[in-house]
Full PDB file with SEQRES, HELIX, SHEET, SSBOND, CRYST1, ORIGX, SCALE, CONECT and MASTER records, all heavy atoms in Angstrom:
SEQRES   1 A   39  VAL ASP GLU LEU LEU SER GLU ARG SER LEU GLN GLY TYR          
SEQRES   2 A   39  HIS LEU LEU PRO SER VAL ARG GLY ASP LEU LEU ALA LYS          
SEQRES   3 A   39  LEU GLY ARG LEU GLU GLU ALA ARG THR GLU PHE GLU ARG          
HELIX    1 AA1 ASP A    2  LEU A    4  5                                   3    
HELIX    2 AA2 ARG A    8  LEU A   10  5                                   3    
HELIX    3 AA3 LEU A   15  LYS A   26  1                                  12    
HELIX    4 AA4 LEU A   30  GLU A   38  1                                   9    
CRYST1    1.000    1.000    1.000  90.00  90.00  90.00 P 1           1          
ORIGX1      1.000000  0.000000  0.000000        0.00000                         
ORIGX2      0.000000  1.000000  0.000000        0.00000                         
ORIGX3      0.000000  0.000000  1.000000        0.00000                         
SCALE1      1.000000  0.000000  0.000000        0.00000                         
SCALE2      0.000000  1.000000  0.000000        0.00000                         
SCALE3      0.000000  0.000000  1.000000        0.00000                         
ATOM      1  N   VAL A   1       5.686  -4.077  -5.478  1.00  0.00           N  
ATOM      2  CA  VAL A   1       4.995  -2.846  -5.071  1.00  0.00           C  
ATOM      3  C   VAL A   1       5.934  -1.983  -4.239  1.00  0.00           C  
ATOM      4  O   VAL A   1       5.999  -0.765  -4.424  1.00  0.00           O  
ATOM      5  CB  VAL A   1       3.689  -3.164  -4.301  1.00  0.00           C  
ATOM      6  CG1 VAL A   1       3.122  -1.919  -3.655  1.00  0.00           C  
ATOM      7  CG2 VAL A   1       2.664  -3.789  -5.238  1.00  0.00           C  
ATOM      8  N   ASP A   2       6.658  -2.598  -3.338  1.00  0.00           N  
ATOM      9  CA  ASP A   2       7.565  -1.835  -2.478  1.00  0.00           C  
ATOM     10  C   ASP A   2       8.648  -1.115  -3.288  1.00  0.00           C  
ATOM     11  O   ASP A   2       9.116  -0.050  -2.890  1.00  0.00           O  
ATOM     12  CB  ASP A   2       8.184  -2.726  -1.412  1.00  0.00           C  
ATOM     13  CG  ASP A   2       7.211  -3.034  -0.280  1.00  0.00           C  
ATOM     14  OD1 ASP A   2       6.123  -2.411  -0.224  1.00  0.00           O  
ATOM     15  OD2 ASP A   2       7.527  -3.902   0.552  1.00  0.00           O  
ATOM     16  N   GLU A   3       9.012  -1.672  -4.429  1.00  0.00           N  
ATOM     17  CA  GLU A   3       9.989  -1.006  -5.296  1.00  0.00           C  
ATOM     18  C   GLU A   3       9.412   0.270  -5.906  1.00  0.00           C  
ATOM     19  O   GLU A   3      10.156   1.139  -6.336  1.00  0.00           O  
ATOM     20  CB  GLU A   3      10.444  -1.956  -6.405  1.00  0.00           C  
ATOM     21  CG  GLU A   3      11.288  -3.109  -5.901  1.00  0.00           C  
ATOM     22  CD  GLU A   3      11.634  -4.114  -6.980  1.00  0.00           C  
ATOM     23  OE1 GLU A   3      11.366  -3.850  -8.178  1.00  0.00           O  
ATOM     24  OE2 GLU A   3      12.178  -5.175  -6.635  1.00  0.00           O  
ATOM     25  N   LEU A   4       8.091   0.383  -5.927  1.00  0.00           N  
ATOM     26  CA  LEU A   4       7.423   1.549  -6.523  1.00  0.00           C  
ATOM     27  C   LEU A   4       7.146   2.659  -5.509  1.00  0.00           C  
ATOM     28  O   LEU A   4       6.703   3.740  -5.892  1.00  0.00           O  
ATOM     29  CB  LEU A   4       6.111   1.114  -7.169  1.00  0.00           C  
ATOM     30  CG  LEU A   4       6.231   0.145  -8.340  1.00  0.00           C  
ATOM     31  CD1 LEU A   4       4.857  -0.375  -8.737  1.00  0.00           C  
ATOM     32  CD2 LEU A   4       6.928   0.818  -9.505  1.00  0.00           C  
ATOM     33  N   LEU A   5       7.406   2.402  -4.232  1.00  0.00           N  
ATOM     34  CA  LEU A   5       7.066   3.386  -3.204  1.00  0.00           C  
ATOM     35  C   LEU A   5       7.776   4.721  -3.378  1.00  0.00           C  
ATOM     36  O   LEU A   5       7.230   5.761  -3.010  1.00  0.00           O  
ATOM     37  CB  LEU A   5       7.349   2.816  -1.805  1.00  0.00           C  
ATOM     38  CG  LEU A   5       6.434   1.679  -1.365  1.00  0.00           C  
ATOM     39  CD1 LEU A   5       6.888   1.134  -0.012  1.00  0.00           C  
ATOM     40  CD2 LEU A   5       4.983   2.119  -1.330  1.00  0.00           C  
ATOM     41  N   SER A   6       8.947   4.709  -3.936  1.00  0.00           N  
ATOM     42  CA  SER A   6       9.687   5.961  -4.105  1.00  0.00           C  
ATOM     43  C   SER A   6       9.395   6.627  -5.448  1.00  0.00           C  
ATOM     44  O   SER A   6       9.920   7.704  -5.729  1.00  0.00           O  
ATOM     45  CB  SER A   6      11.188   5.720  -3.957  1.00  0.00           C  
ATOM     46  OG  SER A   6      11.628   4.845  -4.971  1.00  0.00           O  
ATOM     47  N   GLU A   7       8.545   6.009  -6.255  1.00  0.00           N  
ATOM     48  CA  GLU A   7       8.204   6.562  -7.567  1.00  0.00           C  
ATOM     49  C   GLU A   7       7.380   7.835  -7.384  1.00  0.00           C  
ATOM     50  O   GLU A   7       6.269   7.798  -6.880  1.00  0.00           O  
ATOM     51  CB  GLU A   7       7.423   5.527  -8.387  1.00  0.00           C  
ATOM     52  CG  GLU A   7       7.003   5.996  -9.743  1.00  0.00           C  
ATOM     53  CD  GLU A   7       8.171   6.356 -10.637  1.00  0.00           C  
ATOM     54  OE1 GLU A   7       9.136   5.580 -10.735  1.00  0.00           O  
ATOM     55  OE2 GLU A   7       8.108   7.449 -11.238  1.00  0.00           O  
ATOM     56  N   ARG A   8       7.963   8.946  -7.769  1.00  0.00           N  
ATOM     57  CA  ARG A   8       7.326  10.248  -7.556  1.00  0.00           C  
ATOM     58  C   ARG A   8       5.948  10.359  -8.188  1.00  0.00           C  
ATOM     59  O   ARG A   8       5.019  10.912  -7.600  1.00  0.00           O  
ATOM     60  CB  ARG A   8       8.236  11.343  -8.088  1.00  0.00           C  
ATOM     61  CG  ARG A   8       8.343  12.500  -7.141  1.00  0.00           C  
ATOM     62  CD  ARG A   8       9.264  13.555  -7.666  1.00  0.00           C  
ATOM     63  NE  ARG A   8       8.465  14.394  -8.567  1.00  0.00           N  
ATOM     64  CZ  ARG A   8       8.948  15.154  -9.507  1.00  0.00           C  
ATOM     65  NH1 ARG A   8      10.237  15.206  -9.697  1.00  0.00           N  
ATOM     66  NH2 ARG A   8       8.176  15.869 -10.264  1.00  0.00           N  
ATOM     67  N   SER A   9       5.787   9.800  -9.371  1.00  0.00           N  
ATOM     68  CA  SER A   9       4.511   9.926 -10.081  1.00  0.00           C  
ATOM     69  C   SER A   9       3.381   9.148  -9.411  1.00  0.00           C  
ATOM     70  O   SER A   9       2.217   9.377  -9.714  1.00  0.00           O  
ATOM     71  CB  SER A   9       4.665   9.480 -11.536  1.00  0.00           C  
ATOM     72  OG  SER A   9       4.976   8.107 -11.603  1.00  0.00           O  
ATOM     73  N   LEU A  10       3.706   8.247  -8.497  1.00  0.00           N  
ATOM     74  CA  LEU A  10       2.675   7.464  -7.795  1.00  0.00           C  
ATOM     75  C   LEU A  10       2.400   7.964  -6.383  1.00  0.00           C  
ATOM     76  O   LEU A  10       1.557   7.399  -5.684  1.00  0.00           O  
ATOM     77  CB  LEU A  10       3.079   5.985  -7.738  1.00  0.00           C  
ATOM     78  CG  LEU A  10       3.182   5.260  -9.078  1.00  0.00           C  
ATOM     79  CD1 LEU A  10       3.632   3.818  -8.862  1.00  0.00           C  
ATOM     80  CD2 LEU A  10       1.872   5.304  -9.839  1.00  0.00           C  
ATOM     81  N   GLN A  11       3.065   9.020  -5.955  1.00  0.00           N  
ATOM     82  CA  GLN A  11       2.940   9.490  -4.570  1.00  0.00           C  
ATOM     83  C   GLN A  11       1.504   9.830  -4.184  1.00  0.00           C  
ATOM     84  O   GLN A  11       1.094   9.575  -3.076  1.00  0.00           O  
ATOM     85  CB  GLN A  11       3.856  10.680  -4.310  1.00  0.00           C  
ATOM     86  CG  GLN A  11       5.329  10.335  -4.367  1.00  0.00           C  
ATOM     87  CD  GLN A  11       5.726   9.209  -3.425  1.00  0.00           C  
ATOM     88  OE1 GLN A  11       5.487   9.306  -2.237  1.00  0.00           O  
ATOM     89  NE2 GLN A  11       6.312   8.160  -3.952  1.00  0.00           N  
ATOM     90  N   GLY A  12       0.723  10.400  -5.082  1.00  0.00           N  
ATOM     91  CA  GLY A  12      -0.659  10.753  -4.766  1.00  0.00           C  
ATOM     92  C   GLY A  12      -1.673   9.806  -5.363  1.00  0.00           C  
ATOM     93  O   GLY A  12      -2.870  10.090  -5.368  1.00  0.00           O  
ATOM     94  N   TYR A  13      -1.213   8.662  -5.869  1.00  0.00           N  
ATOM     95  CA  TYR A  13      -2.072   7.696  -6.550  1.00  0.00           C  
ATOM     96  C   TYR A  13      -2.622   6.704  -5.536  1.00  0.00           C  
ATOM     97  O   TYR A  13      -1.888   5.891  -4.985  1.00  0.00           O  
ATOM     98  CB  TYR A  13      -1.256   6.987  -7.634  1.00  0.00           C  
ATOM     99  CG  TYR A  13      -2.042   6.105  -8.569  1.00  0.00           C  
ATOM    100  CD1 TYR A  13      -3.166   6.575  -9.228  1.00  0.00           C  
ATOM    101  CD2 TYR A  13      -1.638   4.806  -8.817  1.00  0.00           C  
ATOM    102  CE1 TYR A  13      -3.873   5.766 -10.105  1.00  0.00           C  
ATOM    103  CE2 TYR A  13      -2.318   3.991  -9.694  1.00  0.00           C  
ATOM    104  CZ  TYR A  13      -3.440   4.475 -10.338  1.00  0.00           C  
ATOM    105  OH  TYR A  13      -4.133   3.667 -11.201  1.00  0.00           O  
ATOM    106  N   HIS A  14      -3.917   6.770  -5.300  1.00  0.00           N  
ATOM    107  CA  HIS A  14      -4.523   5.977  -4.232  1.00  0.00           C  
ATOM    108  C   HIS A  14      -4.410   4.469  -4.431  1.00  0.00           C  
ATOM    109  O   HIS A  14      -4.462   3.712  -3.470  1.00  0.00           O  
ATOM    110  CB  HIS A  14      -5.987   6.378  -4.046  1.00  0.00           C  
ATOM    111  CG  HIS A  14      -6.888   5.937  -5.152  1.00  0.00           C  
ATOM    112  ND1 HIS A  14      -6.915   6.566  -6.377  1.00  0.00           N  
ATOM    113  CD2 HIS A  14      -7.772   4.928  -5.221  1.00  0.00           C  
ATOM    114  CE1 HIS A  14      -7.787   5.960  -7.152  1.00  0.00           C  
ATOM    115  NE2 HIS A  14      -8.330   4.968  -6.475  1.00  0.00           N  
ATOM    116  N   LEU A  15      -4.242   4.030  -5.663  1.00  0.00           N  
ATOM    117  CA  LEU A  15      -4.178   2.580  -5.876  1.00  0.00           C  
ATOM    118  C   LEU A  15      -2.867   1.964  -5.400  1.00  0.00           C  
ATOM    119  O   LEU A  15      -2.823   0.757  -5.124  1.00  0.00           O  
ATOM    120  CB  LEU A  15      -4.440   2.244  -7.343  1.00  0.00           C  
ATOM    121  CG  LEU A  15      -5.869   2.508  -7.803  1.00  0.00           C  
ATOM    122  CD1 LEU A  15      -6.035   2.132  -9.268  1.00  0.00           C  
ATOM    123  CD2 LEU A  15      -6.887   1.798  -6.934  1.00  0.00           C  
ATOM    124  N   LEU A  16      -1.809   2.753  -5.274  1.00  0.00           N  
ATOM    125  CA  LEU A  16      -0.555   2.200  -4.744  1.00  0.00           C  
ATOM    126  C   LEU A  16      -0.739   1.721  -3.302  1.00  0.00           C  
ATOM    127  O   LEU A  16      -0.502   0.539  -3.012  1.00  0.00           O  
ATOM    128  CB  LEU A  16       0.591   3.198  -4.869  1.00  0.00           C  
ATOM    129  CG  LEU A  16       1.939   2.726  -4.314  1.00  0.00           C  
ATOM    130  CD1 LEU A  16       2.461   1.510  -5.073  1.00  0.00           C  
ATOM    131  CD2 LEU A  16       2.950   3.852  -4.385  1.00  0.00           C  
ATOM    132  N   PRO A  17      -1.206   2.559  -2.371  1.00  0.00           N  
ATOM    133  CA  PRO A  17      -1.418   2.039  -1.018  1.00  0.00           C  
ATOM    134  C   PRO A  17      -2.577   1.044  -0.940  1.00  0.00           C  
ATOM    135  O   PRO A  17      -2.573   0.145  -0.089  1.00  0.00           O  
ATOM    136  CB  PRO A  17      -1.689   3.283  -0.180  1.00  0.00           C  
ATOM    137  CG  PRO A  17      -2.102   4.334  -1.148  1.00  0.00           C  
ATOM    138  CD  PRO A  17      -1.409   4.004  -2.440  1.00  0.00           C  
ATOM    139  N   SER A  18      -3.542   1.160  -1.840  1.00  0.00           N  
ATOM    140  CA  SER A  18      -4.643   0.209  -1.847  1.00  0.00           C  
ATOM    141  C   SER A  18      -4.152  -1.198  -2.191  1.00  0.00           C  
ATOM    142  O   SER A  18      -4.483  -2.173  -1.508  1.00  0.00           O  
ATOM    143  CB  SER A  18      -5.708   0.666  -2.852  1.00  0.00           C  
ATOM    144  OG  SER A  18      -6.759  -0.266  -2.920  1.00  0.00           O  
ATOM    145  N   VAL A  19      -3.361  -1.303  -3.245  1.00  0.00           N  
ATOM    146  CA  VAL A  19      -2.789  -2.590  -3.636  1.00  0.00           C  
ATOM    147  C   VAL A  19      -1.866  -3.103  -2.537  1.00  0.00           C  
ATOM    148  O   VAL A  19      -1.918  -4.283  -2.159  1.00  0.00           O  
ATOM    149  CB  VAL A  19      -2.030  -2.476  -4.983  1.00  0.00           C  
ATOM    150  CG1 VAL A  19      -1.178  -3.709  -5.252  1.00  0.00           C  
ATOM    151  CG2 VAL A  19      -3.012  -2.236  -6.122  1.00  0.00           C  
ATOM    152  N   ARG A  20      -1.054  -2.222  -1.999  1.00  0.00           N  
ATOM    153  CA  ARG A  20      -0.132  -2.630  -0.924  1.00  0.00           C  
ATOM    154  C   ARG A  20      -0.911  -3.142   0.284  1.00  0.00           C  
ATOM    155  O   ARG A  20      -0.567  -4.159   0.873  1.00  0.00           O  
ATOM    156  CB  ARG A  20       0.774  -1.463  -0.534  1.00  0.00           C  
ATOM    157  CG  ARG A  20       1.920  -1.883   0.351  1.00  0.00           C  
ATOM    158  CD  ARG A  20       2.994  -0.803   0.433  1.00  0.00           C  
ATOM    159  NE  ARG A  20       4.151  -1.364   1.091  1.00  0.00           N  
ATOM    160  CZ  ARG A  20       4.307  -1.404   2.421  1.00  0.00           C  
ATOM    161  NH1 ARG A  20       3.405  -0.879   3.203  1.00  0.00           N  
ATOM    162  NH2 ARG A  20       5.386  -1.951   2.942  1.00  0.00           N  
ATOM    163  N   GLY A  21      -1.996  -2.439   0.639  1.00  0.00           N  
ATOM    164  CA  GLY A  21      -2.839  -2.879   1.751  1.00  0.00           C  
ATOM    165  C   GLY A  21      -3.436  -4.251   1.504  1.00  0.00           C  
ATOM    166  O   GLY A  21      -3.473  -5.102   2.392  1.00  0.00           O  
ATOM    167  N   ASP A  22      -3.898  -4.482   0.292  1.00  0.00           N  
ATOM    168  CA  ASP A  22      -4.480  -5.781  -0.043  1.00  0.00           C  
ATOM    169  C   ASP A  22      -3.451  -6.895   0.102  1.00  0.00           C  
ATOM    170  O   ASP A  22      -3.743  -7.948   0.684  1.00  0.00           O  
ATOM    171  CB  ASP A  22      -5.029  -5.738  -1.464  1.00  0.00           C  
ATOM    172  CG  ASP A  22      -5.746  -7.016  -1.833  1.00  0.00           C  
ATOM    173  OD1 ASP A  22      -6.757  -7.343  -1.179  1.00  0.00           O  
ATOM    174  OD2 ASP A  22      -5.294  -7.702  -2.770  1.00  0.00           O  
ATOM    175  N   LEU A  23      -2.261  -6.667  -0.397  1.00  0.00           N  
ATOM    176  CA  LEU A  23      -1.215  -7.699  -0.300  1.00  0.00           C  
ATOM    177  C   LEU A  23      -0.796  -7.927   1.145  1.00  0.00           C  
ATOM    178  O   LEU A  23      -0.594  -9.075   1.573  1.00  0.00           O  
ATOM    179  CB  LEU A  23      -0.015  -7.312  -1.169  1.00  0.00           C  
ATOM    180  CG  LEU A  23      -0.316  -7.232  -2.677  1.00  0.00           C  
ATOM    181  CD1 LEU A  23       0.890  -6.685  -3.427  1.00  0.00           C  
ATOM    182  CD2 LEU A  23      -0.743  -8.578  -3.221  1.00  0.00           C  
ATOM    183  N   LEU A  24      -0.675  -6.849   1.911  1.00  0.00           N  
ATOM    184  CA  LEU A  24      -0.327  -6.996   3.334  1.00  0.00           C  
ATOM    185  C   LEU A  24      -1.411  -7.771   4.081  1.00  0.00           C  
ATOM    186  O   LEU A  24      -1.104  -8.627   4.921  1.00  0.00           O  
ATOM    187  CB  LEU A  24      -0.124  -5.616   3.968  1.00  0.00           C  
ATOM    188  CG  LEU A  24       1.152  -4.887   3.553  1.00  0.00           C  
ATOM    189  CD1 LEU A  24       1.068  -3.416   3.929  1.00  0.00           C  
ATOM    190  CD2 LEU A  24       2.373  -5.542   4.179  1.00  0.00           C  
ATOM    191  N   ALA A  25      -2.672  -7.491   3.780  1.00  0.00           N  
ATOM    192  CA  ALA A  25      -3.774  -8.214   4.431  1.00  0.00           C  
ATOM    193  C   ALA A  25      -3.704  -9.701   4.097  1.00  0.00           C  
ATOM    194  O   ALA A  25      -3.902 -10.550   4.974  1.00  0.00           O  
ATOM    195  CB  ALA A  25      -5.113  -7.623   4.008  1.00  0.00           C  
ATOM    196  N   LYS A  26      -3.417 -10.023   2.852  1.00  0.00           N  
ATOM    197  CA  LYS A  26      -3.307 -11.429   2.446  1.00  0.00           C  
ATOM    198  C   LYS A  26      -2.158 -12.129   3.159  1.00  0.00           C  
ATOM    199  O   LYS A  26      -2.205 -13.340   3.363  1.00  0.00           O  
ATOM    200  CB  LYS A  26      -3.137 -11.532   0.935  1.00  0.00           C  
ATOM    201  CG  LYS A  26      -4.418 -11.212   0.193  1.00  0.00           C  
ATOM    202  CD  LYS A  26      -4.220 -11.236  -1.303  1.00  0.00           C  
ATOM    203  CE  LYS A  26      -5.544 -10.907  -1.979  1.00  0.00           C  
ATOM    204  NZ  LYS A  26      -5.412 -10.784  -3.419  1.00  0.00           N  
ATOM    205  N   LEU A  27      -1.158 -11.352   3.552  1.00  0.00           N  
ATOM    206  CA  LEU A  27      -0.019 -11.914   4.286  1.00  0.00           C  
ATOM    207  C   LEU A  27      -0.257 -11.925   5.797  1.00  0.00           C  
ATOM    208  O   LEU A  27       0.604 -12.343   6.554  1.00  0.00           O  
ATOM    209  CB  LEU A  27       1.253 -11.121   3.967  1.00  0.00           C  
ATOM    210  CG  LEU A  27       1.772 -11.290   2.535  1.00  0.00           C  
ATOM    211  CD1 LEU A  27       2.845 -10.257   2.233  1.00  0.00           C  
ATOM    212  CD2 LEU A  27       2.307 -12.706   2.331  1.00  0.00           C  
ATOM    213  N   GLY A  28      -1.418 -11.431   6.233  1.00  0.00           N  
ATOM    214  CA  GLY A  28      -1.733 -11.415   7.665  1.00  0.00           C  
ATOM    215  C   GLY A  28      -1.105 -10.242   8.402  1.00  0.00           C  
ATOM    216  O   GLY A  28      -1.138 -10.202   9.627  1.00  0.00           O  
ATOM    217  N   ARG A  29      -0.573  -9.285   7.704  1.00  0.00           N  
ATOM    218  CA  ARG A  29       0.065  -8.112   8.315  1.00  0.00           C  
ATOM    219  C   ARG A  29      -0.986  -6.996   8.402  1.00  0.00           C  
ATOM    220  O   ARG A  29      -0.940  -6.002   7.704  1.00  0.00           O  
ATOM    221  CB  ARG A  29       1.290  -7.711   7.490  1.00  0.00           C  
ATOM    222  CG  ARG A  29       2.381  -8.772   7.548  1.00  0.00           C  
ATOM    223  CD  ARG A  29       3.450  -8.621   6.505  1.00  0.00           C  
ATOM    224  NE  ARG A  29       4.110  -7.332   6.533  1.00  0.00           N  
ATOM    225  CZ  ARG A  29       5.088  -6.981   5.688  1.00  0.00           C  
ATOM    226  NH1 ARG A  29       5.523  -7.832   4.776  1.00  0.00           N  
ATOM    227  NH2 ARG A  29       5.635  -5.790   5.752  1.00  0.00           N  
ATOM    228  N   LEU A  30      -1.963  -7.240   9.285  1.00  0.00           N  
ATOM    229  CA  LEU A  30      -3.181  -6.444   9.302  1.00  0.00           C  
ATOM    230  C   LEU A  30      -2.996  -5.011   9.763  1.00  0.00           C  
ATOM    231  O   LEU A  30      -3.661  -4.111   9.240  1.00  0.00           O  
ATOM    232  CB  LEU A  30      -4.245  -7.144  10.146  1.00  0.00           C  
ATOM    233  CG  LEU A  30      -4.657  -8.528   9.624  1.00  0.00           C  
ATOM    234  CD1 LEU A  30      -5.666  -9.172  10.555  1.00  0.00           C  
ATOM    235  CD2 LEU A  30      -5.201  -8.434   8.214  1.00  0.00           C  
ATOM    236  N   GLU A  31      -2.132  -4.761  10.709  1.00  0.00           N  
ATOM    237  CA  GLU A  31      -1.921  -3.370  11.152  1.00  0.00           C  
ATOM    238  C   GLU A  31      -1.335  -2.530  10.025  1.00  0.00           C  
ATOM    239  O   GLU A  31      -1.754  -1.400   9.797  1.00  0.00           O  
ATOM    240  CB  GLU A  31      -1.014  -3.313  12.387  1.00  0.00           C  
ATOM    241  CG  GLU A  31      -1.756  -3.389  13.696  1.00  0.00           C  
ATOM    242  CD  GLU A  31      -2.845  -2.324  13.825  1.00  0.00           C  
ATOM    243  OE1 GLU A  31      -2.550  -1.115  13.722  1.00  0.00           O  
ATOM    244  OE2 GLU A  31      -3.995  -2.713  14.027  1.00  0.00           O  
ATOM    245  N   GLU A  32      -0.369  -3.094   9.319  1.00  0.00           N  
ATOM    246  CA  GLU A  32       0.225  -2.385   8.184  1.00  0.00           C  
ATOM    247  C   GLU A  32      -0.808  -2.199   7.078  1.00  0.00           C  
ATOM    248  O   GLU A  32      -0.873  -1.141   6.442  1.00  0.00           O  
ATOM    249  CB  GLU A  32       1.424  -3.154   7.641  1.00  0.00           C  
ATOM    250  CG  GLU A  32       2.613  -3.204   8.574  1.00  0.00           C  
ATOM    251  CD  GLU A  32       3.649  -4.175   8.070  1.00  0.00           C  
ATOM    252  OE1 GLU A  32       3.546  -5.378   8.388  1.00  0.00           O  
ATOM    253  OE2 GLU A  32       4.562  -3.729   7.330  1.00  0.00           O  
ATOM    254  N   ALA A  33      -1.618  -3.231   6.848  1.00  0.00           N  
ATOM    255  CA  ALA A  33      -2.667  -3.148   5.830  1.00  0.00           C  
ATOM    256  C   ALA A  33      -3.666  -2.050   6.181  1.00  0.00           C  
ATOM    257  O   ALA A  33      -4.056  -1.259   5.314  1.00  0.00           O  
ATOM    258  CB  ALA A  33      -3.377  -4.492   5.698  1.00  0.00           C  
ATOM    259  N   ARG A  34      -4.051  -1.972   7.438  1.00  0.00           N  
ATOM    260  CA  ARG A  34      -4.997  -0.942   7.883  1.00  0.00           C  
ATOM    261  C   ARG A  34      -4.456   0.447   7.574  1.00  0.00           C  
ATOM    262  O   ARG A  34      -5.156   1.297   7.023  1.00  0.00           O  
ATOM    263  CB  ARG A  34      -5.276  -1.070   9.381  1.00  0.00           C  
ATOM    264  CG  ARG A  34      -6.253  -0.003   9.904  1.00  0.00           C  
ATOM    265  CD  ARG A  34      -6.339  -0.023  11.422  1.00  0.00           C  
ATOM    266  NE  ARG A  34      -5.055   0.192  12.068  1.00  0.00           N  
ATOM    267  CZ  ARG A  34      -4.461   1.377  12.200  1.00  0.00           C  
ATOM    268  NH1 ARG A  34      -5.025   2.468  11.750  1.00  0.00           N  
ATOM    269  NH2 ARG A  34      -3.292   1.482  12.806  1.00  0.00           N  
ATOM    270  N   THR A  35      -3.199   0.671   7.891  1.00  0.00           N  
ATOM    271  CA  THR A  35      -2.569   1.967   7.625  1.00  0.00           C  
ATOM    272  C   THR A  35      -2.596   2.285   6.132  1.00  0.00           C  
ATOM    273  O   THR A  35      -2.889   3.420   5.734  1.00  0.00           O  
ATOM    274  CB  THR A  35      -1.125   1.966   8.153  1.00  0.00           C  
ATOM    275  OG1 THR A  35      -1.157   1.740   9.562  1.00  0.00           O  
ATOM    276  CG2 THR A  35      -0.420   3.270   7.857  1.00  0.00           C  
ATOM    277  N   GLU A  36      -2.306   1.302   5.303  1.00  0.00           N  
ATOM    278  CA  GLU A  36      -2.290   1.528   3.851  1.00  0.00           C  
ATOM    279  C   GLU A  36      -3.692   1.813   3.325  1.00  0.00           C  
ATOM    280  O   GLU A  36      -3.872   2.695   2.480  1.00  0.00           O  
ATOM    281  CB  GLU A  36      -1.676   0.334   3.126  1.00  0.00           C  
ATOM    282  CG  GLU A  36      -0.198   0.163   3.386  1.00  0.00           C  
ATOM    283  CD  GLU A  36       0.642   1.337   2.900  1.00  0.00           C  
ATOM    284  OE1 GLU A  36       0.365   1.897   1.817  1.00  0.00           O  
ATOM    285  OE2 GLU A  36       1.595   1.702   3.604  1.00  0.00           O  
ATOM    286  N   PHE A  37      -4.704   1.080   3.796  1.00  0.00           N  
ATOM    287  CA  PHE A  37      -6.072   1.343   3.350  1.00  0.00           C  
ATOM    288  C   PHE A  37      -6.525   2.743   3.770  1.00  0.00           C  
ATOM    289  O   PHE A  37      -7.198   3.443   3.012  1.00  0.00           O  
ATOM    290  CB  PHE A  37      -7.047   0.295   3.886  1.00  0.00           C  
ATOM    291  CG  PHE A  37      -6.909  -1.051   3.233  1.00  0.00           C  
ATOM    292  CD1 PHE A  37      -6.863  -2.203   3.999  1.00  0.00           C  
ATOM    293  CD2 PHE A  37      -6.824  -1.179   1.846  1.00  0.00           C  
ATOM    294  CE1 PHE A  37      -6.754  -3.456   3.404  1.00  0.00           C  
ATOM    295  CE2 PHE A  37      -6.702  -2.427   1.244  1.00  0.00           C  
ATOM    296  CZ  PHE A  37      -6.668  -3.569   2.028  1.00  0.00           C  
ATOM    297  N   GLU A  38      -6.145   3.162   4.968  1.00  0.00           N  
ATOM    298  CA  GLU A  38      -6.495   4.510   5.416  1.00  0.00           C  
ATOM    299  C   GLU A  38      -5.796   5.567   4.568  1.00  0.00           C  
ATOM    300  O   GLU A  38      -6.389   6.589   4.223  1.00  0.00           O  
ATOM    301  CB  GLU A  38      -6.155   4.690   6.899  1.00  0.00           C  
ATOM    302  CG  GLU A  38      -7.081   3.913   7.805  1.00  0.00           C  
ATOM    303  CD  GLU A  38      -6.665   3.923   9.258  1.00  0.00           C  
ATOM    304  OE1 GLU A  38      -5.532   4.345   9.574  1.00  0.00           O  
ATOM    305  OE2 GLU A  38      -7.472   3.476  10.098  1.00  0.00           O  
ATOM    306  N   ARG A  39      -4.549   5.310   4.211  1.00  0.00           N  
ATOM    307  CA  ARG A  39      -3.816   6.246   3.361  1.00  0.00           C  
ATOM    308  C   ARG A  39      -4.455   6.316   1.984  1.00  0.00           C  
ATOM    309  O   ARG A  39      -4.650   7.405   1.427  1.00  0.00           O  
ATOM    310  CB  ARG A  39      -2.347   5.844   3.256  1.00  0.00           C  
ATOM    311  CG  ARG A  39      -1.496   6.870   2.524  1.00  0.00           C  
ATOM    312  CD  ARG A  39      -0.012   6.656   2.795  1.00  0.00           C  
ATOM    313  NE  ARG A  39       0.521   5.501   2.130  1.00  0.00           N  
ATOM    314  CZ  ARG A  39       1.131   5.548   0.946  1.00  0.00           C  
ATOM    315  NH1 ARG A  39       1.285   6.701   0.323  1.00  0.00           N  
ATOM    316  NH2 ARG A  39       1.610   4.465   0.407  1.00  0.00           N  
TER     317      ARG A  39                                                      
MASTER        0    0    0    4    0    0    0    6  316    1    0    3          
END                                                                             
């Protein structure tokens, strides 16, 4: 997912930060996950 962060076509696609937030939450990185879910 992190390799896709610079992909221009996904910049406004809500599922990119949503998926990233889910994976971060599963890793226990809750503050980062919160930011991604809000984005």
